[in-house]
């Protein structure tokens, strides 16, 4: 009888400790609507800056809005500030 009481008490303690750890974890934040809406599907404008090391490029649209995009190393090496660009976004950005 004592053995069953100790085993069941151990299981209950383990379950409570596990539940406490599960409640203490933070939930992953879903992508905000602003993040997905902020990146246009197509952009036409002028390259403002290029960072080949980071693989990023900043583009200013004709209406004055600027956007930063993740680009391939080849594109980062080929483009330079002042170039005119017309591009389609191929994947969703990871905000």
C-alpha atoms as a PDB file:
ATOM      1  CA  UNK A   1       0.000   0.000   0.000  1.00  0.00           C
ATOM      2  CA  UNK A   2       2.815   2.389   0.874  1.00  0.00           C
ATOM      3  CA  UNK A   3       4.543   1.649  -2.416  1.00  0.00           C
ATOM      4  CA  UNK A   4       1.397   2.557  -4.434  1.00  0.00           C
ATOM      5  CA  UNK A   5       0.894   5.708  -2.407  1.00  0.00           C
ATOM      6  CA  UNK A   6       4.492   6.796  -3.029  1.00  0.00           C
ATOM      7  CA  UNK A   7       4.284   5.984  -6.765  1.00  0.00           C
ATOM      8  CA  UNK A   8       0.998   7.816  -7.266  1.00  0.00           C
ATOM      9  CA  UNK A   9       2.321  10.794  -5.264  1.00  0.00           C
ATOM     10  CA  UNK A  10       5.417  10.837  -7.471  1.00  0.00           C
ATOM     11  CA  UNK A  11       3.317  10.784 -10.623  1.00  0.00           C
ATOM     12  CA  UNK A  12       1.105  13.606  -9.374  1.00  0.00           C
ATOM     13  CA  UNK A  13       4.160  15.689  -8.422  1.00  0.00           C
ATOM     14  CA  UNK A  14       5.763  15.086 -11.809  1.00  0.00           C
ATOM     15  CA  UNK A  15       2.545  16.041 -13.596  1.00  0.00           C
ATOM     16  CA  UNK A  16       2.225  19.277 -11.613  1.00  0.00           C
ATOM     17  CA  UNK A  17       5.850  20.218 -12.259  1.00  0.00           C
ATOM     18  CA  UNK A  18       5.482  19.526 -15.975  1.00  0.00           C
ATOM     19  CA  UNK A  19       2.268  21.548 -16.172  1.00  0.00           C
ATOM     20  CA  UNK A  20       3.978  24.456 -14.411  1.00  0.00           C
ATOM     21  CA  UNK A  21       6.798  24.424 -16.943  1.00  0.00           C
ATOM     22  CA  UNK A  22       4.336  24.300 -19.826  1.00  0.00           C
ATOM     23  CA  UNK A  23       2.419  27.329 -18.533  1.00  0.00           C
ATOM     24  CA  UNK A  24       5.657  29.238 -18.036  1.00  0.00           C
ATOM     25  CA  UNK A  25       6.619  29.075 -21.708  1.00  0.00           C
ATOM     26  CA  UNK A  26       5.838  32.049 -23.890  1.00  0.00           C
ATOM     27  CA  UNK A  27       3.775  31.485 -26.989  1.00  0.00           C
ATOM     28  CA  UNK A  28       5.287  32.323 -30.361  1.00  0.00           C
ATOM     29  CA  UNK A  29       4.019  35.595 -31.704  1.00  0.00           C
ATOM     30  CA  UNK A  30       2.071  35.317 -34.944  1.00  0.00           C
ATOM     31  CA  UNK A  31       3.205  37.519 -37.807  1.00  0.00           C
ATOM     32  CA  UNK A  32       1.631  40.897 -37.413  1.00  0.00           C
ATOM     33  CA  UNK A  33      -0.704  42.082 -40.144  1.00  0.00           C
ATOM     34  CA  UNK A  34       1.385  45.242 -40.516  1.00  0.00           C
ATOM     35  CA  UNK A  35       4.486  43.200 -41.280  1.00  0.00           C
ATOM     36  CA  UNK A  36       2.894  41.292 -44.139  1.00  0.00           C
ATOM     37  CA  UNK A  37       0.984  44.334 -45.433  1.00  0.00           C
ATOM     38  CA  UNK A  38       4.097  46.558 -45.261  1.00  0.00           C
ATOM     39  CA  UNK A  39       5.979  44.697 -47.981  1.00  0.00           C
ATOM     40  CA  UNK A  40       4.633  45.298 -51.483  1.00  0.00           C
ATOM     41  CA  UNK A  41       4.294  42.415 -53.930  1.00  0.00           C
ATOM     42  CA  UNK A  42       5.896  44.518 -56.666  1.00  0.00           C
ATOM     43  CA  UNK A  43       8.220  47.477 -56.297  1.00  0.00           C
ATOM     44  CA  UNK A  44       9.464  49.965 -58.874  1.00  0.00           C
ATOM     45  CA  UNK A  45      11.972  52.570 -57.882  1.00  0.00           C
ATOM     46  CA  UNK A  46      15.574  53.458 -57.199  1.00  0.00           C
ATOM     47  CA  UNK A  47      18.130  51.512 -55.185  1.00  0.00           C
ATOM     48  CA  UNK A  48      19.137  53.624 -52.178  1.00  0.00           C
ATOM     49  CA  UNK A  49      21.669  51.304 -50.540  1.00  0.00           C
ATOM     50  CA  UNK A  50      23.035  47.783 -50.842  1.00  0.00           C
ATOM     51  CA  UNK A  51      24.713  45.719 -48.127  1.00  0.00           C
ATOM     52  CA  UNK A  52      26.283  42.637 -49.769  1.00  0.00           C
ATOM     53  CA  UNK A  53      27.545  41.280 -46.421  1.00  0.00           C
ATOM     54  CA  UNK A  54      24.040  41.263 -44.921  1.00  0.00           C
ATOM     55  CA  UNK A  55      22.328  40.526 -48.257  1.00  0.00           C
ATOM     56  CA  UNK A  56      19.961  43.478 -47.995  1.00  0.00           C
ATOM     57  CA  UNK A  57      18.924  46.251 -50.359  1.00  0.00           C
ATOM     58  CA  UNK A  58      16.968  49.440 -49.665  1.00  0.00           C
ATOM     59  CA  UNK A  59      14.683  50.643 -52.466  1.00  0.00           C
ATOM     60  CA  UNK A  60      12.821  53.974 -52.686  1.00  0.00           C
ATOM     61  CA  UNK A  61       9.580  53.807 -54.656  1.00  0.00           C
ATOM     62  CA  UNK A  62       8.469  56.587 -56.972  1.00  0.00           C
ATOM     63  CA  UNK A  63       6.021  57.778 -54.311  1.00  0.00           C
ATOM     64  CA  UNK A  64       8.881  58.205 -51.785  1.00  0.00           C
ATOM     65  CA  UNK A  65       8.296  55.120 -49.608  1.00  0.00           C
ATOM     66  CA  UNK A  66      11.406  53.093 -48.822  1.00  0.00           C
ATOM     67  CA  UNK A  67      11.520  49.327 -48.347  1.00  0.00           C
ATOM     68  CA  UNK A  68      14.329  47.040 -47.273  1.00  0.00           C
ATOM     69  CA  UNK A  69      14.515  43.631 -48.945  1.00  0.00           C
ATOM     70  CA  UNK A  70      16.557  40.491 -48.431  1.00  0.00           C
ATOM     71  CA  UNK A  71      18.383  39.739 -51.716  1.00  0.00           C
ATOM     72  CA  UNK A  72      20.707  37.065 -53.027  1.00  0.00           C
ATOM     73  CA  UNK A  73      24.458  37.655 -52.893  1.00  0.00           C
ATOM     74  CA  UNK A  74      24.573  37.834 -56.710  1.00  0.00           C
ATOM     75  CA  UNK A  75      21.942  40.553 -56.798  1.00  0.00           C
ATOM     76  CA  UNK A  76      23.610  42.454 -53.942  1.00  0.00           C
ATOM     77  CA  UNK A  77      26.899  42.400 -55.859  1.00  0.00           C
ATOM     78  CA  UNK A  78      25.274  43.424 -59.168  1.00  0.00           C
ATOM     79  CA  UNK A  79      23.176  46.338 -57.860  1.00  0.00           C
ATOM     80  CA  UNK A  80      24.490  49.714 -56.723  1.00  0.00           C
ATOM     81  CA  UNK A  81      22.852  52.865 -55.312  1.00  0.00           C
ATOM     82  CA  UNK A  82      21.141  54.871 -58.020  1.00  0.00           C
ATOM     83  CA  UNK A  83      20.119  51.881 -60.161  1.00  0.00           C
ATOM     84  CA  UNK A  84      16.487  51.763 -61.290  1.00  0.00           C
ATOM     85  CA  UNK A  85      14.736  48.533 -60.386  1.00  0.00           C
ATOM     86  CA  UNK A  86      11.454  46.772 -61.017  1.00  0.00           C
ATOM     87  CA  UNK A  87      11.080  43.668 -58.864  1.00  0.00           C
ATOM     88  CA  UNK A  88       8.477  41.177 -57.681  1.00  0.00           C
ATOM     89  CA  UNK A  89       8.596  39.814 -54.138  1.00  0.00           C
ATOM     90  CA  UNK A  90       9.132  36.069 -54.448  1.00  0.00           C
ATOM     91  CA  UNK A  91       8.559  34.990 -50.816  1.00  0.00           C
ATOM     92  CA  UNK A  92       6.940  36.376 -47.716  1.00  0.00           C
ATOM     93  CA  UNK A  93       9.332  38.294 -45.550  1.00  0.00           C
ATOM     94  CA  UNK A  94      10.257  36.907 -42.135  1.00  0.00           C
ATOM     95  CA  UNK A  95       9.457  39.717 -39.778  1.00  0.00           C
END
